[in-house]
Amino acid sequence: MKLLDRIILTIYSLCFVILAVVMLLVSFKVISLNYCLTYIRNIYGRWETGVAGLIFLIISIKFLLSSIKRNKSYKKLISVNDMGEIRISDTAIENIVVSTVKDILGVKDVKVSINSHKNNINLVIKIVATSDRNVPETADDIRKYVKENIERITGIKIKEAEVIIENIITSNL
C-alpha cells in the first residue's frame, strides 16, 4: 500500500472512530439528542455535506476495489489449456530465487522483491556478499542462474533482474 493510501486510510478510520464515540456518547446520554439533532439540522441541505459524503463514498469504493484487485494480481498466469489455468504466487517465485541465489558461491544472505508487468517480472535481488569471490562476477552469476531457473521452472520471462549488494562480509584470511 502506498504512503498516500495509508494516510487516507488513517484519516478515514479516525473519522469512523469519532463517529462511533459520538454514537456511544449519545446512547449513554452523555451528549443530548437535541444537540445532535441541532447539528444535523445545521448541516442538512448544505453542499459541503454532500461533498464530504461523496469523498467518503469514493474512498470506500477505492479501498474496496483495491482489496479485490490485489487478490487477482497476486498470482501470475503461467498457462491456459482445456482443463483450466495454471497460476503461480509471488511467494513461490521468491522461493525459487532465494534457493537459486543461496547456492551461488559468494552469497551470504538474500532478499527478493518482485514487480510484475503482465507475463514478465522484474526482480530486485538484495544480497550480502562474501569477499571470497569477485562481486561483479557473483552478481552476473545471480542474474544468469535466476533467469534460467525461473524461466525453466515456471515459463515466466524475467524482464530485468537487478542485483544490489547491501554489504560485503570479509572472511578471515
N, C-alpha and C. Protein backbone atom coordinates (compact mmCIF):
# COMPACT_ATOMS: atom_id res chain seq x y z
N MET A 1 0.85 -1.18 0.00
CA MET A 1 0.00 0.00 0.00
C MET A 1 0.89 1.24 0.00
N LYS A 2 0.53 2.20 -0.82
CA LYS A 2 1.32 3.41 -0.94
C LYS A 2 1.14 4.29 0.29
N LEU A 3 2.09 5.21 0.50
CA LEU A 3 2.06 6.09 1.66
C LEU A 3 0.80 6.95 1.67
N LEU A 4 0.43 7.51 0.53
CA LEU A 4 -0.77 8.34 0.46
C LEU A 4 -2.01 7.53 0.83
N ASP A 5 -2.10 6.29 0.33
CA ASP A 5 -3.23 5.43 0.69
C ASP A 5 -3.28 5.17 2.19
N ARG A 6 -2.13 4.97 2.80
CA ARG A 6 -2.09 4.74 4.25
C ARG A 6 -2.56 5.97 5.03
N ILE A 7 -2.15 7.15 4.57
CA ILE A 7 -2.57 8.39 5.23
C ILE A 7 -4.08 8.56 5.09
N ILE A 8 -4.60 8.35 3.89
CA ILE A 8 -6.04 8.49 3.66
C ILE A 8 -6.80 7.47 4.50
N LEU A 9 -6.32 6.23 4.54
CA LEU A 9 -6.99 5.20 5.33
C LEU A 9 -6.97 5.54 6.82
N THR A 10 -5.88 6.12 7.29
CA THR A 10 -5.79 6.53 8.70
C THR A 10 -6.81 7.62 9.01
N ILE A 11 -6.89 8.63 8.17
CA ILE A 11 -7.86 9.72 8.37
C ILE A 11 -9.28 9.17 8.29
N TYR A 12 -9.52 8.32 7.32
CA TYR A 12 -10.83 7.70 7.12
C TYR A 12 -11.23 6.90 8.37
N SER A 13 -10.30 6.12 8.90
CA SER A 13 -10.56 5.32 10.10
C SER A 13 -10.81 6.22 11.31
N LEU A 14 -10.04 7.29 11.44
CA LEU A 14 -10.24 8.21 12.57
C LEU A 14 -11.63 8.86 12.53
N CYS A 15 -12.10 9.18 11.33
CA CYS A 15 -13.46 9.74 11.21
C CYS A 15 -14.50 8.75 11.72
N PHE A 16 -14.33 7.48 11.39
CA PHE A 16 -15.29 6.49 11.87
C PHE A 16 -15.14 6.22 13.36
N VAL A 17 -13.94 6.35 13.89
CA VAL A 17 -13.75 6.23 15.34
C VAL A 17 -14.49 7.36 16.05
N ILE A 18 -14.37 8.58 15.52
CA ILE A 18 -15.07 9.73 16.11
C ILE A 18 -16.58 9.52 16.03
N LEU A 19 -17.07 9.04 14.89
CA LEU A 19 -18.49 8.77 14.75
C LEU A 19 -18.95 7.71 15.75
N ALA A 20 -18.16 6.66 15.93
CA ALA A 20 -18.52 5.60 16.88
C ALA A 20 -18.55 6.14 18.31
N VAL A 21 -17.60 7.00 18.67
CA VAL A 21 -17.56 7.58 20.03
C VAL A 21 -18.78 8.46 20.25
N VAL A 22 -19.12 9.27 19.24
CA VAL A 22 -20.31 10.13 19.37
C VAL A 22 -21.56 9.26 19.54
N MET A 23 -21.67 8.21 18.77
CA MET A 23 -22.83 7.32 18.90
C MET A 23 -22.90 6.69 20.28
N LEU A 24 -21.75 6.30 20.82
CA LEU A 24 -21.72 5.75 22.18
C LEU A 24 -22.14 6.80 23.21
N LEU A 25 -21.61 8.01 23.04
CA LEU A 25 -21.96 9.08 23.99
C LEU A 25 -23.44 9.42 23.93
N VAL A 26 -24.02 9.39 22.74
CA VAL A 26 -25.46 9.64 22.62
C VAL A 26 -26.26 8.50 23.26
N SER A 27 -25.82 7.26 23.02
CA SER A 27 -26.56 6.12 23.57
C SER A 27 -26.50 6.07 25.09
N PHE A 28 -25.43 6.59 25.70
CA PHE A 28 -25.33 6.63 27.16
C PHE A 28 -25.78 7.97 27.74
N LYS A 29 -26.38 8.80 26.87
CA LYS A 29 -26.96 10.08 27.25
C LYS A 29 -25.94 11.06 27.83
N VAL A 30 -24.68 10.94 27.39
CA VAL A 30 -23.65 11.91 27.78
C VAL A 30 -23.81 13.16 26.92
N ILE A 31 -24.14 12.97 25.66
CA ILE A 31 -24.45 14.07 24.75
C ILE A 31 -25.96 14.02 24.52
N SER A 32 -26.61 15.16 24.61
CA SER A 32 -28.07 15.16 24.46
C SER A 32 -28.45 14.94 23.00
N LEU A 33 -29.58 14.30 22.82
CA LEU A 33 -30.10 14.04 21.49
C LEU A 33 -30.46 15.35 20.80
N ASN A 34 -30.94 16.34 21.56
CA ASN A 34 -31.29 17.64 20.98
C ASN A 34 -30.06 18.32 20.37
N TYR A 35 -28.90 18.20 21.03
CA TYR A 35 -27.66 18.78 20.49
C TYR A 35 -27.32 18.14 19.14
N CYS A 36 -27.43 16.81 19.06
CA CYS A 36 -27.13 16.10 17.81
C CYS A 36 -28.12 16.49 16.72
N LEU A 37 -29.41 16.59 17.07
CA LEU A 37 -30.41 16.96 16.08
C LEU A 37 -30.19 18.39 15.59
N THR A 38 -29.79 19.29 16.47
CA THR A 38 -29.48 20.66 16.07
C THR A 38 -28.31 20.68 15.10
N TYR A 39 -27.30 19.89 15.39
CA TYR A 39 -26.13 19.82 14.49
C TYR A 39 -26.54 19.27 13.14
N ILE A 40 -27.36 18.22 13.14
CA ILE A 40 -27.81 17.62 11.88
C ILE A 40 -28.64 18.63 11.09
N ARG A 41 -29.52 19.39 11.76
CA ARG A 41 -30.32 20.41 11.08
C ARG A 41 -29.42 21.49 10.45
N ASN A 42 -28.31 21.80 11.11
CA ASN A 42 -27.39 22.81 10.58
C ASN A 42 -26.66 22.35 9.31
N ILE A 43 -26.40 21.06 9.22
CA ILE A 43 -25.68 20.57 8.03
C ILE A 43 -26.62 20.04 6.96
N TYR A 44 -27.90 19.92 7.27
CA TYR A 44 -28.89 19.39 6.32
C TYR A 44 -29.02 20.33 5.12
N GLY A 45 -28.90 19.77 3.91
CA GLY A 45 -29.10 20.54 2.70
C GLY A 45 -27.92 21.39 2.26
N ARG A 46 -26.81 21.30 2.95
CA ARG A 46 -25.64 22.12 2.58
C ARG A 46 -24.78 21.34 1.59
N TRP A 47 -24.18 22.07 0.65
CA TRP A 47 -23.35 21.43 -0.36
C TRP A 47 -22.10 20.80 0.25
N GLU A 48 -21.59 21.38 1.35
CA GLU A 48 -20.40 20.83 1.99
C GLU A 48 -20.66 19.41 2.52
N THR A 49 -21.87 19.19 3.00
CA THR A 49 -22.23 17.86 3.49
C THR A 49 -22.22 16.86 2.34
N GLY A 50 -22.76 17.28 1.20
CA GLY A 50 -22.76 16.41 0.01
C GLY A 50 -21.36 16.10 -0.46
N VAL A 51 -20.49 17.09 -0.45
CA VAL A 51 -19.09 16.87 -0.87
C VAL A 51 -18.40 15.89 0.09
N ALA A 52 -18.60 16.08 1.38
CA ALA A 52 -18.00 15.16 2.37
C ALA A 52 -18.51 13.74 2.17
N GLY A 53 -19.82 13.61 1.93
CA GLY A 53 -20.40 12.28 1.68
C GLY A 53 -19.83 11.65 0.42
N LEU A 54 -19.67 12.46 -0.63
CA LEU A 54 -19.11 11.96 -1.88
C LEU A 54 -17.66 11.52 -1.70
N ILE A 55 -16.89 12.28 -0.93
CA ILE A 55 -15.49 11.91 -0.67
C ILE A 55 -15.43 10.58 0.07
N PHE A 56 -16.27 10.41 1.11
CA PHE A 56 -16.29 9.14 1.84
C PHE A 56 -16.71 7.99 0.93
N LEU A 57 -17.67 8.23 0.04
CA LEU A 57 -18.10 7.19 -0.90
C LEU A 57 -16.97 6.79 -1.84
N ILE A 58 -16.27 7.77 -2.41
CA ILE A 58 -15.17 7.49 -3.33
C ILE A 58 -14.05 6.73 -2.63
N ILE A 59 -13.70 7.17 -1.42
CA ILE A 59 -12.65 6.48 -0.67
C ILE A 59 -13.05 5.04 -0.36
N SER A 60 -14.31 4.84 0.03
CA SER A 60 -14.79 3.49 0.33
C SER A 60 -14.69 2.59 -0.90
N ILE A 61 -15.13 3.10 -2.04
CA ILE A 61 -15.08 2.31 -3.28
C ILE A 61 -13.63 2.04 -3.69
N LYS A 62 -12.75 3.03 -3.53
CA LYS A 62 -11.33 2.85 -3.88
C LYS A 62 -10.69 1.73 -3.07
N PHE A 63 -10.90 1.76 -1.75
CA PHE A 63 -10.30 0.72 -0.91
C PHE A 63 -10.94 -0.64 -1.14
N LEU A 64 -12.23 -0.67 -1.42
CA LEU A 64 -12.88 -1.93 -1.73
C LEU A 64 -12.32 -2.54 -3.01
N LEU A 65 -12.21 -1.72 -4.06
CA LEU A 65 -11.69 -2.22 -5.33
C LEU A 65 -10.22 -2.60 -5.24
N SER A 66 -9.43 -1.83 -4.48
CA SER A 66 -8.01 -2.17 -4.36
C SER A 66 -7.81 -3.48 -3.62
N SER A 67 -8.67 -3.80 -2.67
CA SER A 67 -8.53 -5.08 -1.96
C SER A 67 -8.93 -6.24 -2.86
N ILE A 68 -9.92 -6.03 -3.71
CA ILE A 68 -10.32 -7.08 -4.65
C ILE A 68 -9.27 -7.26 -5.73
N LYS A 69 -8.76 -6.16 -6.28
CA LYS A 69 -7.77 -6.20 -7.35
C LYS A 69 -6.48 -6.86 -6.90
N ARG A 70 -6.06 -6.60 -5.67
CA ARG A 70 -4.81 -7.15 -5.15
C ARG A 70 -4.85 -8.67 -5.15
N ASN A 71 -5.98 -9.27 -4.79
CA ASN A 71 -6.06 -10.72 -4.76
C ASN A 71 -5.94 -11.32 -6.15
N LYS A 72 -6.47 -10.65 -7.17
CA LYS A 72 -6.39 -11.18 -8.52
C LYS A 72 -4.98 -11.07 -9.09
N SER A 73 -4.26 -10.02 -8.78
CA SER A 73 -2.92 -9.84 -9.34
C SER A 73 -1.86 -10.55 -8.52
N TYR A 74 -2.27 -11.20 -7.45
CA TYR A 74 -1.34 -11.87 -6.55
C TYR A 74 -0.65 -13.04 -7.24
N LYS A 75 -1.34 -13.71 -8.14
CA LYS A 75 -0.78 -14.89 -8.78
C LYS A 75 -0.61 -14.65 -10.27
N LYS A 76 0.53 -15.09 -10.80
CA LYS A 76 0.86 -14.91 -12.21
C LYS A 76 0.30 -16.08 -13.02
N LEU A 77 -0.25 -15.75 -14.17
CA LEU A 77 -0.76 -16.77 -15.07
C LEU A 77 0.42 -17.40 -15.81
N ILE A 78 0.53 -18.71 -15.70
CA ILE A 78 1.61 -19.42 -16.39
C ILE A 78 1.10 -19.97 -17.72
N SER A 79 -0.03 -20.68 -17.68
CA SER A 79 -0.57 -21.21 -18.92
C SER A 79 -2.06 -21.49 -18.79
N VAL A 80 -2.71 -21.61 -19.94
CA VAL A 80 -4.13 -21.93 -20.00
C VAL A 80 -4.30 -23.04 -21.02
N ASN A 81 -5.09 -24.05 -20.65
CA ASN A 81 -5.42 -25.10 -21.62
C ASN A 81 -6.88 -25.49 -21.41
N ASP A 82 -7.30 -26.59 -22.03
CA ASP A 82 -8.71 -27.02 -21.95
C ASP A 82 -9.15 -27.31 -20.52
N MET A 83 -8.23 -27.71 -19.68
CA MET A 83 -8.58 -28.11 -18.32
C MET A 83 -8.55 -26.94 -17.33
N GLY A 84 -8.05 -25.77 -17.74
CA GLY A 84 -8.05 -24.62 -16.85
C GLY A 84 -6.75 -23.85 -16.89
N GLU A 85 -6.59 -23.01 -15.88
CA GLU A 85 -5.42 -22.14 -15.78
C GLU A 85 -4.42 -22.69 -14.78
N ILE A 86 -3.16 -22.34 -14.99
CA ILE A 86 -2.11 -22.63 -14.01
C ILE A 86 -1.53 -21.29 -13.59
N ARG A 87 -1.53 -21.01 -12.30
CA ARG A 87 -1.01 -19.75 -11.76
C ARG A 87 0.05 -20.05 -10.72
N ILE A 88 0.94 -19.08 -10.53
CA ILE A 88 2.00 -19.22 -9.52
C ILE A 88 2.05 -17.95 -8.69
N SER A 89 2.24 -18.09 -7.40
CA SER A 89 2.25 -16.93 -6.50
C SER A 89 3.63 -16.27 -6.48
N ASP A 90 3.63 -15.02 -6.04
CA ASP A 90 4.90 -14.30 -5.87
C ASP A 90 5.79 -15.02 -4.86
N THR A 91 5.18 -15.61 -3.85
CA THR A 91 5.96 -16.33 -2.83
C THR A 91 6.71 -17.51 -3.44
N ALA A 92 6.05 -18.23 -4.34
CA ALA A 92 6.71 -19.37 -4.99
C ALA A 92 7.89 -18.90 -5.84
N ILE A 93 7.69 -17.80 -6.58
CA ILE A 93 8.78 -17.25 -7.39
C ILE A 93 9.92 -16.79 -6.48
N GLU A 94 9.56 -16.12 -5.39
CA GLU A 94 10.57 -15.65 -4.44
C GLU A 94 11.37 -16.81 -3.87
N ASN A 95 10.71 -17.92 -3.55
CA ASN A 95 11.42 -19.09 -3.01
C ASN A 95 12.38 -19.69 -4.03
N ILE A 96 11.99 -19.70 -5.30
CA ILE A 96 12.89 -20.20 -6.35
C ILE A 96 14.12 -19.31 -6.43
N VAL A 97 13.92 -17.99 -6.39
CA VAL A 97 15.04 -17.05 -6.47
C VAL A 97 15.97 -17.23 -5.28
N VAL A 98 15.42 -17.28 -4.07
CA VAL A 98 16.25 -17.41 -2.86
C VAL A 98 17.04 -18.70 -2.90
N SER A 99 16.38 -19.80 -3.27
CA SER A 99 17.07 -21.10 -3.34
C SER A 99 18.21 -21.06 -4.36
N THR A 100 17.94 -20.46 -5.52
CA THR A 100 18.97 -20.37 -6.57
C THR A 100 20.15 -19.52 -6.12
N VAL A 101 19.86 -18.37 -5.52
CA VAL A 101 20.93 -17.43 -5.15
C VAL A 101 21.76 -17.98 -4.00
N LYS A 102 21.15 -18.65 -3.05
CA LYS A 102 21.91 -19.18 -1.91
C LYS A 102 22.88 -20.29 -2.32
N ASP A 103 22.64 -20.91 -3.49
CA ASP A 103 23.55 -21.95 -3.98
C ASP A 103 24.78 -21.37 -4.69
N ILE A 104 24.80 -20.06 -4.89
CA ILE A 104 25.92 -19.43 -5.60
C ILE A 104 27.02 -19.07 -4.61
N LEU A 105 28.23 -19.43 -4.93
CA LEU A 105 29.38 -19.13 -4.08
C LEU A 105 29.56 -17.62 -4.00
N GLY A 106 29.75 -17.11 -2.80
CA GLY A 106 29.97 -15.69 -2.61
C GLY A 106 28.74 -14.95 -2.09
N VAL A 107 27.66 -15.69 -1.81
CA VAL A 107 26.43 -15.08 -1.30
C VAL A 107 26.18 -15.57 0.12
N LYS A 108 26.04 -14.63 1.04
CA LYS A 108 25.78 -14.95 2.45
C LYS A 108 24.29 -14.90 2.78
N ASP A 109 23.59 -13.85 2.27
CA ASP A 109 22.17 -13.67 2.56
C ASP A 109 21.50 -13.05 1.34
N VAL A 110 20.19 -13.25 1.21
CA VAL A 110 19.46 -12.74 0.04
C VAL A 110 18.04 -12.32 0.43
N LYS A 111 17.58 -11.22 -0.19
CA LYS A 111 16.19 -10.75 -0.08
C LYS A 111 15.71 -10.43 -1.48
N VAL A 112 14.42 -10.69 -1.76
CA VAL A 112 13.90 -10.53 -3.12
C VAL A 112 12.65 -9.67 -3.11
N SER A 113 12.55 -8.76 -4.09
CA SER A 113 11.32 -8.00 -4.35
C SER A 113 10.89 -8.31 -5.78
N ILE A 114 9.58 -8.49 -5.98
CA ILE A 114 9.06 -8.84 -7.29
C ILE A 114 8.10 -7.76 -7.76
N ASN A 115 8.32 -7.27 -8.98
CA ASN A 115 7.40 -6.34 -9.62
C ASN A 115 6.92 -6.99 -10.91
N SER A 116 5.60 -7.10 -11.07
CA SER A 116 5.04 -7.79 -12.23
C SER A 116 4.54 -6.82 -13.28
N HIS A 117 4.73 -7.21 -14.52
CA HIS A 117 4.20 -6.49 -15.67
C HIS A 117 3.67 -7.53 -16.64
N LYS A 118 2.35 -7.78 -16.61
CA LYS A 118 1.69 -8.80 -17.43
C LYS A 118 2.37 -10.14 -17.18
N ASN A 119 2.94 -10.77 -18.21
CA ASN A 119 3.59 -12.07 -18.01
C ASN A 119 5.10 -11.96 -17.84
N ASN A 120 5.61 -10.74 -17.66
CA ASN A 120 7.03 -10.53 -17.37
C ASN A 120 7.16 -10.07 -15.94
N ILE A 121 8.30 -10.38 -15.34
CA ILE A 121 8.55 -9.89 -13.99
C ILE A 121 9.91 -9.22 -13.91
N ASN A 122 9.98 -8.23 -13.04
CA ASN A 122 11.24 -7.57 -12.71
C ASN A 122 11.60 -7.97 -11.29
N LEU A 123 12.84 -8.34 -11.09
CA LEU A 123 13.31 -8.76 -9.77
C LEU A 123 14.32 -7.77 -9.24
N VAL A 124 14.22 -7.50 -7.95
CA VAL A 124 15.26 -6.76 -7.25
C VAL A 124 15.80 -7.72 -6.21
N ILE A 125 17.06 -8.11 -6.38
CA ILE A 125 17.68 -9.10 -5.52
C ILE A 125 18.75 -8.40 -4.70
N LYS A 126 18.53 -8.35 -3.39
CA LYS A 126 19.49 -7.71 -2.49
C LYS A 126 20.27 -8.81 -1.79
N ILE A 127 21.61 -8.69 -1.85
CA ILE A 127 22.43 -9.74 -1.25
C ILE A 127 23.46 -9.15 -0.29
N VAL A 128 23.89 -10.03 0.59
CA VAL A 128 25.09 -9.79 1.39
C VAL A 128 26.11 -10.74 0.80
N ALA A 129 27.18 -10.18 0.24
CA ALA A 129 28.21 -10.97 -0.44
C ALA A 129 29.37 -11.25 0.50
N THR A 130 30.12 -12.28 0.17
CA THR A 130 31.35 -12.56 0.90
C THR A 130 32.52 -12.12 0.03
N SER A 131 33.65 -11.90 0.66
CA SER A 131 34.82 -11.41 -0.07
C SER A 131 35.63 -12.55 -0.70
N ASP A 132 35.11 -13.78 -0.64
CA ASP A 132 35.81 -14.94 -1.20
C ASP A 132 35.87 -14.88 -2.73
N ARG A 133 34.97 -14.10 -3.33
CA ARG A 133 34.81 -14.14 -4.77
C ARG A 133 34.59 -12.73 -5.30
N ASN A 134 34.93 -12.51 -6.56
CA ASN A 134 34.73 -11.23 -7.22
C ASN A 134 33.24 -10.89 -7.22
N VAL A 135 32.89 -9.72 -6.69
CA VAL A 135 31.48 -9.33 -6.52
C VAL A 135 30.77 -9.14 -7.87
N PRO A 136 31.35 -8.46 -8.86
CA PRO A 136 30.66 -8.35 -10.15
C PRO A 136 30.38 -9.71 -10.80
N GLU A 137 31.31 -10.65 -10.66
CA GLU A 137 31.09 -11.99 -11.21
C GLU A 137 29.94 -12.67 -10.47
N THR A 138 29.90 -12.48 -9.16
CA THR A 138 28.81 -13.06 -8.36
C THR A 138 27.47 -12.49 -8.82
N ALA A 139 27.39 -11.18 -9.02
CA ALA A 139 26.15 -10.54 -9.47
C ALA A 139 25.75 -11.05 -10.85
N ASP A 140 26.71 -11.21 -11.75
CA ASP A 140 26.41 -11.73 -13.09
C ASP A 140 25.87 -13.15 -13.01
N ASP A 141 26.48 -13.99 -12.15
CA ASP A 141 26.00 -15.36 -11.98
C ASP A 141 24.58 -15.38 -11.41
N ILE A 142 24.32 -14.48 -10.48
CA ILE A 142 22.97 -14.41 -9.90
C ILE A 142 21.96 -14.12 -10.99
N ARG A 143 22.21 -13.10 -11.80
CA ARG A 143 21.29 -12.76 -12.88
C ARG A 143 21.08 -13.95 -13.83
N LYS A 144 22.19 -14.56 -14.22
CA LYS A 144 22.14 -15.65 -15.20
C LYS A 144 21.36 -16.85 -14.65
N TYR A 145 21.73 -17.32 -13.45
CA TYR A 145 21.10 -18.53 -12.92
C TYR A 145 19.65 -18.31 -12.48
N VAL A 146 19.35 -17.13 -11.95
CA VAL A 146 17.96 -16.84 -11.57
C VAL A 146 17.08 -16.82 -12.82
N LYS A 147 17.54 -16.13 -13.86
CA LYS A 147 16.77 -16.06 -15.11
C LYS A 147 16.54 -17.46 -15.67
N GLU A 148 17.60 -18.26 -15.72
CA GLU A 148 17.48 -19.63 -16.25
C GLU A 148 16.50 -20.46 -15.43
N ASN A 149 16.63 -20.42 -14.10
CA ASN A 149 15.77 -21.26 -13.25
C ASN A 149 14.31 -20.82 -13.29
N ILE A 150 14.05 -19.53 -13.19
CA ILE A 150 12.66 -19.05 -13.21
C ILE A 150 12.01 -19.41 -14.54
N GLU A 151 12.71 -19.16 -15.64
CA GLU A 151 12.13 -19.45 -16.95
C GLU A 151 11.98 -20.95 -17.18
N ARG A 152 12.92 -21.76 -16.69
CA ARG A 152 12.84 -23.21 -16.85
C ARG A 152 11.73 -23.79 -16.01
N ILE A 153 11.62 -23.36 -14.76
CA ILE A 153 10.64 -23.93 -13.83
C ILE A 153 9.23 -23.42 -14.08
N THR A 154 9.07 -22.10 -14.33
CA THR A 154 7.73 -21.52 -14.42
C THR A 154 7.31 -21.13 -15.82
N GLY A 155 8.27 -20.88 -16.70
CA GLY A 155 7.94 -20.41 -18.04
C GLY A 155 7.74 -18.90 -18.10
N ILE A 156 7.86 -18.22 -16.96
CA ILE A 156 7.70 -16.77 -16.90
C ILE A 156 9.01 -16.12 -17.32
N LYS A 157 8.90 -15.11 -18.16
CA LYS A 157 10.09 -14.41 -18.64
C LYS A 157 10.52 -13.36 -17.62
N ILE A 158 11.81 -13.32 -17.36
CA ILE A 158 12.40 -12.30 -16.50
C ILE A 158 12.78 -11.12 -17.38
N LYS A 159 12.12 -10.00 -17.17
CA LYS A 159 12.42 -8.81 -17.96
C LYS A 159 13.70 -8.16 -17.46
N GLU A 160 13.85 -8.08 -16.13
CA GLU A 160 15.02 -7.45 -15.54
C GLU A 160 15.29 -8.08 -14.18
N ALA A 161 16.56 -8.29 -13.89
CA ALA A 161 16.98 -8.79 -12.57
C ALA A 161 18.07 -7.86 -12.06
N GLU A 162 17.69 -6.97 -11.17
CA GLU A 162 18.65 -6.02 -10.59
C GLU A 162 19.24 -6.64 -9.33
N VAL A 163 20.57 -6.61 -9.24
CA VAL A 163 21.26 -7.14 -8.07
C VAL A 163 21.86 -5.97 -7.29
N ILE A 164 21.50 -5.89 -6.03
CA ILE A 164 22.01 -4.83 -5.16
C ILE A 164 22.86 -5.49 -4.08
N ILE A 165 24.09 -5.05 -3.97
CA ILE A 165 24.98 -5.56 -2.93
C ILE A 165 24.78 -4.68 -1.69
N GLU A 166 24.11 -5.22 -0.69
CA GLU A 166 23.85 -4.44 0.52
C GLU A 166 25.05 -4.39 1.46
N ASN A 167 25.86 -5.44 1.43
CA ASN A 167 27.01 -5.49 2.31
C ASN A 167 27.97 -6.55 1.80
N ILE A 168 29.24 -6.40 2.16
CA ILE A 168 30.23 -7.40 1.82
C ILE A 168 30.91 -7.82 3.13
N ILE A 169 30.84 -9.10 3.38
CA ILE A 169 31.45 -9.64 4.61
C ILE A 169 32.82 -10.18 4.25
N THR A 170 33.82 -9.69 4.96
CA THR A 170 35.18 -10.18 4.70
C THR A 170 35.41 -11.45 5.50
N SER A 171 36.01 -12.43 4.85
CA SER A 171 36.32 -13.67 5.54
C SER A 171 37.68 -13.55 6.19
N ASN A 172 37.88 -14.33 7.23
CA ASN A 172 39.17 -14.33 7.91
C ASN A 172 40.19 -15.07 7.06
N LEU A 173 41.19 -14.35 6.62
CA LEU A 173 42.21 -14.95 5.75
C LEU A 173 43.33 -15.54 6.53
